[in-house]
Amino acid sequence: MLVVGPSGPAAAAMPVGTDARIAFFGMIFLDTSTEGAYFGARADETARTRLLEEAVRDRFAEAGYAFMELAPIADTLAQTVNPANCYGCDIRMGKALGAEYILVGEVQKVSNLILTMNLTLRDVGTGKMVLGRSVDIRSNTDESWLRGINYLMTHYFFEE
């Protein structure tokens, strides 16, 4: 099951051209469930996070976008717990790369039934969000995670 909250007027999909310099900082998994607090990271959820990153890369490439190489900031990025919420470190890393935009996603696990997925594109020059959307998904499976990220990309980032 996929639950989409109110989003107001439809936003223009990808307000930046395919020539834009975009740095994709990946998908971050935040486990706020009691399971994560007691048992730590699960291998299947770690694998699903990588699966979502691959899906995002593939969909952006299909639309003609190329992400920047992250090697110059790899050490800083590896030490950053959540580049989607790091008091501007995402913007600083974007500037260090010479990126115009940064893209980062999050999956927050509330329980094995309820998860929220976010995908946000921010302007490095202003620090402001250019495009960002969120969906709630139900069930903690490869299929539900992929359905959620594909919904975000199809209906908000690449409206079809």
Foldseek 3Di string as FASTA:
>chain_A
DWAFDDDPDADDAAPDDQVAAEAELFEAEAEPAVCCVPPNDDPQVVVLSVVLRVVVCVVSVVVNHDYDDQVVCVVVSVPDNALVDDVCVVLVSCVVRVGQKYKYKYWYHHDQFKIKIKIWIAGSVVRHTPFMGMIIFTGDHSVRSVVRSCCCCDVHNNDD
